[in-house]
Amino acid sequence: MSTPLIEAVLRKDLESVKKLLEEGADRNARNEEGKRACDIAASLGYDVILIHLIEGGCGG
């Protein structure tokens, strides 16, 4: 099961990521592989998105 936040990260859609974070998306929700949005952003090298996720509490 994926989340809208994870899907936005996979699309590299920074604006959607920001909006979802503002709306209170669960930054630490995991997909079926056990990965969080910040894990995926880091593995794909999406640094700007990763910074937003970390500042929002992902990975903590």
Protein backbone atom coordinates (compact mmCIF):
# COMPACT_ATOMS: atom_id res chain seq x y z
CA MET A 1 0.00 0.00 0.00
CA SER A 2 1.40 3.34 -1.01
CA THR A 3 0.40 6.76 0.29
CA PRO A 4 -0.29 10.00 -1.58
CA LEU A 5 2.93 11.41 -0.11
CA ILE A 6 4.99 8.48 -1.35
CA GLU A 7 3.34 8.73 -4.77
CA ALA A 8 4.19 12.45 -4.94
CA VAL A 9 7.81 11.65 -4.08
CA LEU A 10 7.95 8.99 -6.79
CA ARG A 11 6.64 11.57 -9.30
CA LYS A 12 9.23 14.07 -8.02
CA ASP A 13 6.34 16.46 -7.46
CA LEU A 14 7.66 18.98 -4.95
CA GLU A 15 4.51 21.11 -4.92
CA SER A 16 2.33 18.12 -4.06
CA VAL A 17 4.80 17.02 -1.39
CA LYS A 18 4.66 20.49 0.20
CA LYS A 19 0.86 20.56 0.07
CA LEU A 20 0.52 17.09 1.56
CA LEU A 21 2.94 17.96 4.36
CA GLU A 22 0.99 21.15 5.11
CA GLU A 23 -2.21 19.09 5.26
CA GLY A 24 -0.67 16.76 7.83
CA ALA A 25 0.31 13.73 5.75
CA ASP A 26 1.98 10.98 7.79
CA ARG A 27 5.65 11.49 6.94
CA ASN A 28 6.62 8.16 8.47
CA ALA A 29 4.01 5.93 6.81
CA ARG A 30 5.62 3.00 5.04
CA ASN A 31 4.86 1.36 1.73
CA GLU A 32 4.58 -2.40 1.19
CA GLU A 33 8.39 -2.62 1.08
CA GLY A 34 8.72 -0.89 4.45
CA LYS A 35 10.09 2.35 2.98
CA ARG A 36 9.04 5.85 4.04
CA ALA A 37 8.78 8.85 1.73
CA CYS A 38 12.15 10.12 3.01
CA ASP A 39 13.78 6.73 2.35
CA ILE A 40 12.54 6.83 -1.24
CA ALA A 41 13.56 10.46 -1.80
CA ALA A 42 17.05 9.69 -0.47
CA SER A 43 17.47 6.58 -2.61
CA LEU A 44 16.39 8.46 -5.74
CA GLY A 45 18.59 11.49 -5.00
CA TYR A 46 15.67 13.92 -4.69
CA ASP A 47 17.54 16.19 -2.31
CA VAL A 48 15.14 19.15 -2.30
CA ILE A 49 12.19 16.89 -1.53
CA LEU A 50 14.22 15.05 1.10
CA ILE A 51 15.02 18.33 2.88
CA HIS A 52 11.31 19.17 3.08
CA LEU A 53 10.51 15.72 4.43
CA ILE A 54 13.26 15.81 7.05
CA GLU A 55 12.31 19.32 8.16
CA GLY A 56 8.78 18.02 8.55
CA GLY A 57 9.88 15.21 10.82
CA CYS A 58 10.35 12.26 8.50
CA GLY A 59 12.84 9.76 9.78
CA GLY A 60 12.70 10.91 13.35
